[in-house]
Structure formats: structure tokens, C-alpha cells
C-alpha atoms as a PDB file:
ATOM      1  CA  MET A   1    -215.315-172.032 -67.175  1.00  0.00           C
ATOM      2  CA  SER A   2    -212.928-175.501 -66.534  1.00  0.00           C
ATOM      3  CA  ASP A   3    -213.522-178.421 -65.196  1.00  0.00           C
ATOM      4  CA  GLN A   4    -209.892-178.181 -63.923  1.00  0.00           C
ATOM      5  CA  PRO A   5    -209.100-177.910 -59.916  1.00  0.00           C
ATOM      6  CA  LEU A   6    -209.848-174.436 -58.480  1.00  0.00           C
ATOM      7  CA  GLY A   7    -206.828-172.383 -57.316  1.00  0.00           C
ATOM      8  CA  THR A   8    -206.124-171.978 -53.543  1.00  0.00           C
ATOM      9  CA  PRO A   9    -207.340-169.063 -51.246  1.00  0.00           C
ATOM     10  CA  ARG A  10    -204.543-167.422 -49.905  1.00  0.00           C
ATOM     11  CA  PRO A  11    -205.117-164.324 -47.761  1.00  0.00           C
ATOM     12  CA  LEU A  12    -203.348-160.989 -48.103  1.00  0.00           C
ATOM     13  CA  TRP A  13    -202.297-161.006 -44.393  1.00  0.00           C
ATOM     14  CA  ARG A  14    -200.149-164.359 -45.243  1.00  0.00           C
ATOM     15  CA  VAL A  15    -199.205-163.173 -48.482  1.00  0.00           C
ATOM     16  CA  ILE A  16    -197.594-160.445 -47.008  1.00  0.00           C
ATOM     17  CA  LEU A  17    -195.943-161.915 -44.026  1.00  0.00           C
ATOM     18  CA  LEU A  18    -194.433-164.831 -45.604  1.00  0.00           C
ATOM     19  CA  SER A  19    -193.235-162.289 -48.605  1.00  0.00           C
ATOM     20  CA  LEU A  20    -191.336-160.052 -45.918  1.00  0.00           C
ATOM     21  CA  LEU A  21    -190.059-163.352 -44.214  1.00  0.00           C
ATOM     22  CA  THR A  22    -188.600-164.596 -47.111  1.00  0.00           C
ATOM     23  CA  GLY A  23    -187.076-161.135 -48.815  1.00  0.00           C
ATOM     24  CA  LEU A  24    -190.113-161.105 -51.263  1.00  0.00           C
ATOM     25  CA  ALA A  25    -189.055-164.711 -52.650  1.00  0.00           C
ATOM     26  CA  TYR A  26    -192.714-166.077 -51.398  1.00  0.00           C
ATOM     27  CA  TYR A  27    -194.284-163.434 -53.243  1.00  0.00           C
ATOM     28  CA  GLY A  28    -192.339-164.750 -56.494  1.00  0.00           C
ATOM     29  CA  TRP A  29    -193.573-167.839 -55.885  1.00  0.00           C
ATOM     30  CA  TYR A  30    -197.174-166.555 -55.554  1.00  0.00           C
ATOM     31  CA  LYS A  31    -197.025-165.088 -58.759  1.00  0.00           C
ATOM     32  CA  TRP A  32    -196.178-167.797 -60.332  1.00  0.00           C
ATOM     33  CA  VAL A  33    -198.434-170.167 -59.171  1.00  0.00           C
ATOM     34  CA  ILE A  34    -201.492-167.734 -59.194  1.00  0.00           C
ATOM     35  CA  GLN A  35    -200.919-167.518 -62.987  1.00  0.00           C
ATOM     36  CA  ASP A  36    -200.361-171.087 -63.403  1.00  0.00           C
ATOM     37  CA  GLU A  37    -203.649-171.619 -61.359  1.00  0.00           C
ATOM     38  CA  LEU A  38    -205.519-169.250 -63.681  1.00  0.00           C
ATOM     39  CA  LYS A  39    -204.292-170.720 -66.864  1.00  0.00           C
ATOM     40  CA  ARG A  40    -205.448-174.315 -65.207  1.00  0.00           C
ATOM     41  CA  TYR A  41    -208.297-172.558 -64.506  1.00  0.00           C
ATOM     42  CA  THR A  42    -209.581-170.507 -67.750  1.00  0.00           C
ATOM     43  CA  GLY A  43    -207.473-172.164 -70.198  1.00  0.00           C
ATOM     44  CA  LYS A  44    -206.666-169.207 -71.846  1.00  0.00           C
ATOM     45  CA  ASP A  45    -204.373-167.208 -69.241  1.00  0.00           C
ATOM     46  CA  TRP A  46    -200.385-167.199 -69.403  1.00  0.00           C
ATOM     47  CA  SER A  47    -198.209-169.622 -67.049  1.00  0.00           C
ATOM     48  CA  GLY A  48    -195.637-168.618 -64.033  1.00  0.00           C
ATOM     49  CA  ALA A  49    -193.153-169.316 -66.437  1.00  0.00           C
ATOM     50  CA  VAL A  50    -194.072-166.960 -69.468  1.00  0.00           C
ATOM     51  CA  CYS A  51    -195.160-164.166 -66.888  1.00  0.00           C
ATOM     52  CA  LEU A  52    -191.718-164.140 -64.294  1.00  0.00           C
ATOM     53  CA  LEU A  53    -188.899-166.135 -66.615  1.00  0.00           C
ATOM     54  CA  PRO A  54    -188.605-162.934 -69.244  1.00  0.00           C
ATOM     55  CA  PHE A  55    -189.370-160.586 -66.283  1.00  0.00           C
ATOM     56  CA  GLY A  56    -186.069-161.994 -64.271  1.00  0.00           C
ATOM     57  CA  LEU A  57    -184.296-162.401 -67.709  1.00  0.00           C
ATOM     58  CA  GLY A  58    -185.126-158.573 -68.395  1.00  0.00           C
ATOM     59  CA  ILE A  59    -183.796-157.208 -64.964  1.00  0.00           C
ATOM     60  CA  ALA A  60    -180.828-159.480 -64.502  1.00  0.00           C
ATOM     61  CA  VAL A  61    -178.878-160.493 -67.510  1.00  0.00           C
ATOM     62  CA  PRO A  62    -178.438-156.623 -68.700  1.00  0.00           C
ATOM     63  CA  GLN A  63    -177.490-155.573 -65.401  1.00  0.00           C
ATOM     64  CA  LEU A  64    -174.657-158.819 -65.033  1.00  0.00           C
ATOM     65  CA  LEU A  65    -173.424-158.069 -68.807  1.00  0.00           C
ATOM     66  CA  ARG A  66    -172.969-154.304 -67.373  1.00  0.00           C
ATOM     67  CA  LEU A  67    -171.065-155.158 -64.489  1.00  0.00           C
ATOM     68  CA  TYR A  68    -168.962-158.340 -65.371  1.00  0.00           C
ATOM     69  CA  ASP A  69    -168.200-157.336 -69.028  1.00  0.00           C
ATOM     70  CA  PRO A  70    -165.678-154.299 -69.265  1.00  0.00           C
ATOM     71  CA  ASP A  71    -166.753-154.120 -73.304  1.00  0.00           C
ATOM     72  CA  VAL A  72    -170.472-153.562 -72.263  1.00  0.00           C
ATOM     73  CA  PRO A  73    -171.363-149.724 -71.538  1.00  0.00           C
ATOM     74  CA  GLY A  74    -172.484-148.444 -68.494  1.00  0.00           C
ATOM     75  CA  TRP A  75    -176.259-147.384 -70.320  1.00  0.00           C
ATOM     76  CA  PHE A  76    -176.876-151.229 -71.407  1.00  0.00           C
ATOM     77  CA  GLY A  77    -177.836-151.459 -67.804  1.00  0.00           C
ATOM     78  CA  TRP A  78    -181.264-149.609 -69.018  1.00  0.00           C
ATOM     79  CA  PHE A  79    -182.159-152.469 -71.233  1.00  0.00           C
ATOM     80  CA  SER A  80    -183.575-153.601 -67.590  1.00  0.00           C
ATOM     81  CA  LEU A  81    -186.342-151.480 -68.513  1.00  0.00           C
ATOM     82  CA  ALA A  82    -187.774-154.562 -70.703  1.00  0.00           C
ATOM     83  CA  GLY A  83    -187.843-156.308 -67.874  1.00  0.00           C
ATOM     84  CA  ILE A  84    -190.163-153.808 -65.828  1.00  0.00           C
ATOM     85  CA  ILE A  85    -192.330-153.172 -68.885  1.00  0.00           C
ATOM     86  CA  TRP A  86    -192.804-156.422 -69.370  1.00  0.00           C
ATOM     87  CA  ILE A  87    -194.075-156.896 -65.672  1.00  0.00           C
ATOM     88  CA  TYR A  88    -196.384-154.146 -65.982  1.00  0.00           C
ATOM     89  CA  ILE A  89    -197.821-155.995 -69.146  1.00  0.00           C
ATOM     90  CA  VAL A  90    -198.221-159.445 -67.317  1.00  0.00           C
ATOM     91  CA  GLN A  91    -199.631-157.408 -64.189  1.00  0.00           C
ATOM     92  CA  PHE A  92    -201.860-155.461 -66.646  1.00  0.00           C
ATOM     93  CA  ARG A  93    -203.116-159.024 -67.833  1.00  0.00           C
ATOM     94  CA  LEU A  94    -203.527-160.497 -64.380  1.00  0.00           C
ATOM     95  CA  TYR A  95    -206.257-157.764 -63.024  1.00  0.00           C
ATOM     96  CA  CYS A  96    -208.124-158.242 -66.650  1.00  0.00           C
ATOM     97  CA  THR A  97    -208.479-161.544 -65.740  1.00  0.00           C
ATOM     98  CA  VAL A  98    -209.580-161.117 -62.477  1.00  0.00           C
ATOM     99  CA  ASN A  99    -211.932-158.475 -62.965  1.00  0.00           C
ATOM    100  CA  ALA A 100    -213.566-160.899 -65.719  1.00  0.00           C
ATOM    101  CA  LEU A 101    -214.106-163.790 -63.351  1.00  0.00           C
ATOM    102  CA  TYR A 102    -216.189-161.296 -61.064  1.00  0.00           C
ATOM    103  CA  ARG A 103    -218.146-160.243 -64.153  1.00  0.00           C
ATOM    104  CA  GLN A 104    -218.799-163.746 -65.235  1.00  0.00           C
ATOM    105  CA  ALA A 105    -219.694-164.381 -61.741  1.00  0.00           C
ATOM    106  CA  GLY A 106    -222.304-161.900 -61.986  1.00  0.00           C
ATOM    107  CA  LEU A 107    -220.648-159.660 -59.594  1.00  0.00           C
ATOM    108  CA  GLN A 108    -218.789-156.174 -59.893  1.00  0.00           C
ATOM    109  CA  ALA A 109    -214.999-156.280 -61.409  1.00  0.00           C
ATOM    110  CA  PRO A 110    -213.204-154.910 -58.444  1.00  0.00           C
ATOM    111  CA  LEU A 111    -209.900-153.975 -59.782  1.00  0.00           C
ATOM    112  CA  THR A 112    -209.711-150.503 -61.037  1.00  0.00           C
ATOM    113  CA  LEU A 113    -206.836-150.709 -64.201  1.00  0.00           C
ATOM    114  CA  ARG A 114    -205.560-147.343 -64.800  1.00  0.00           C
ATOM    115  CA  TRP A 115    -204.275-147.483 -61.082  1.00  0.00           C
ATOM    116  CA  LEU A 116    -201.443-149.637 -62.542  1.00  0.00           C
ATOM    117  CA  PHE A 117    -199.627-146.609 -63.563  1.00  0.00           C
ATOM    118  CA  VAL A 118    -200.349-144.253 -61.191  1.00  0.00           C
ATOM    119  CA  PRO A 119    -197.562-144.808 -58.431  1.00  0.00           C
ATOM    120  CA  GLY A 120    -198.995-145.753 -54.864  1.00  0.00           C
ATOM    121  CA  LEU A 121    -202.177-146.318 -56.073  1.00  0.00           C
ATOM    122  CA  ASN A 122    -200.316-149.530 -58.097  1.00  0.00           C
ATOM    123  CA  LEU A 123    -199.493-150.777 -54.771  1.00  0.00           C
ATOM    124  CA  LEU A 124    -203.228-150.886 -53.889  1.00  0.00           C
ATOM    125  CA  VAL A 125    -204.684-152.347 -56.836  1.00  0.00           C
ATOM    126  CA  GLY A 126    -201.907-155.236 -56.394  1.00  0.00           C
ATOM    127  CA  LEU A 127    -203.228-155.639 -52.702  1.00  0.00           C
ATOM    128  CA  ARG A 128    -206.572-155.186 -53.772  1.00  0.00           C
ATOM    129  CA  GLN A 129    -205.723-158.097 -56.407  1.00  0.00           C
ATOM    130  CA  ILE A 130    -204.365-160.263 -54.072  1.00  0.00           C
ATOM    131  CA  HIS A 131    -207.460-159.838 -51.962  1.00  0.00           C
ATOM    132  CA  PHE A 132    -210.121-160.104 -54.508  1.00  0.00           C
ATOM    133  CA  LEU A 133    -208.407-163.553 -56.223  1.00  0.00           C
ATOM    134  CA  SER A 134    -208.137-164.919 -52.955  1.00  0.00           C
ATOM    135  CA  GLN A 135    -211.753-163.974 -52.427  1.00  0.00           C
ATOM    136  CA  TYR A 136    -212.863-165.998 -55.553  1.00  0.00           C
ATOM    137  CA  TRP A 137    -211.297-169.139 -55.242  1.00  0.00           C
ATOM    138  CA  ALA A 138    -213.170-168.918 -51.815  1.00  0.00           C
ATOM    139  CA  MET A 139    -216.170-168.535 -53.083  1.00  0.00           C
ATOM    140  CA  LYS A 140    -215.813-170.692 -55.480  1.00  0.00           C
ATOM    141  CA  ARG A 141    -214.963-173.656 -53.134  1.00  0.00           C
ATOM    142  CA  GLY A 142    -218.295-172.431 -50.786  1.00  0.00           C
ATOM    143  CA  GLU A 143    -215.878-171.262 -48.164  1.00  0.00           C
ATOM    144  CA  THR A 144    -215.060-167.894 -46.717  1.00  0.00           C
ATOM    145  CA  VAL A 145    -211.769-166.824 -46.099  1.00  0.00           C
ATOM    146  CA  GLY A 146    -211.242-163.784 -43.451  1.00  0.00           C
ATOM    147  CA  ASP A 147    -208.505-161.625 -43.548  1.00  0.00           C
ATOM    148  CA  PRO A 148    -207.583-159.290 -40.508  1.00  0.00           C
ATOM    149  CA  ILE A 149    -206.040-156.797 -42.896  1.00  0.00           C
ATOM    150  CA  THR A 150    -209.123-156.632 -45.248  1.00  0.00           C
ATOM    151  CA  ASP A 151    -211.510-156.552 -42.485  1.00  0.00           C
ATOM    152  CA  ARG A 152    -209.817-153.254 -40.999  1.00  0.00           C
ATOM    153  CA  LEU A 153    -209.287-151.225 -44.047  1.00  0.00           C
ATOM    154  CA  PRO A 154    -213.318-151.784 -45.597  1.00  0.00           C
ATOM    155  CA  LEU A 155    -212.995-148.938 -47.577  1.00  0.00           C
ATOM    156  CA  PHE A 156    -209.564-150.141 -49.456  1.00  0.00           C
ATOM    157  CA  PHE A 157    -211.135-153.530 -49.677  1.00  0.00           C
ATOM    158  CA  SER A 158    -214.727-153.333 -50.645  1.00  0.00           C
ATOM    159  CA  GLN A 159    -216.209-154.882 -53.566  1.00  0.00           C
ATOM    160  CA  VAL A 160    -217.655-151.309 -54.508  1.00  0.00           C
ATOM    161  CA  GLY A 161    -215.021-149.110 -52.448  1.00  0.00           C
ATOM    162  CA  LEU A 162    -212.236-147.504 -54.565  1.00  0.00           C
END
């Protein structure tokens, strides 16, 4: 891979707790930072800015124009779907990257990509991504990172599980 610094392991319990306490602001920061870490590490992934700014603008701009400009028709808000589609593309690429890192380490790819498009399962694969990326960084550092959530739900978070 790269001689660049490794990413930081961030256990699932901490990402969930801080995201809830900050009204998901921490989750946005988490997404930005992990994308930057992966870009530095692989040399080819998208940065946090490339991943999140189009999403935020794609959601916010059509809604703000619709609300504050009387000449913009109400249906214009539907253009926010572009931001939603963008974040699905970003998530798909992220999951592919995590799977590729595991395969390059001689391990089984942990994420099922098709789950991204199944309501309910998309949340589970997202939680698995947080867990397995944290585990990957810990493994590369020669560390272990415990997580009370994943320890209590081995069916959902085992390497060869779902």
C-alpha cells in the first residue's frame, strides 16, 4: 500500500455515541476524516471534501432556493435527490475500498455491497463498515480494539458472518 500514516481505529460504540450526542455532526466529521485517511493511505480514494461537499450542497441548495426564492417552483426541491444519489455512490466506493483492503491483507472481504440498496440492511452494512475499518487500522498498527456493541452481537459483526 502506502508509506503514509495509518488511519485511526474508531470503535463503533464511540462513533454511535458521539454521533447521537452531537446530532450527527460527529458522523459527518467521521466520514470526512476516514475518507481523507483512506486517500492518504491508498493514494487513490476520494477526499472527505469530494465525498461530502457535493452531498451537502446537493441537499441544501435546492431546498434553500425552494424556500427563499418565490420564483423557484416547489418541485425544484426534488433536485435534492442528486445529493442522496451522490452519497450512495460515495458509500459504495467506501465499501469497495474496505473490502479491497481486507482482500489485500489476505482476509475475506467483510462487507456485502448489495445490502447498500436494501432498506434496513443498508444501515447494518454501514455499521459493519465502521467496525471493520476500525479493526483494519488496529490490525495494521498491531493493536486490538474492543467494542462492547460488536462483542455482544457477533452474528452481525463477525468476519464471516452475514
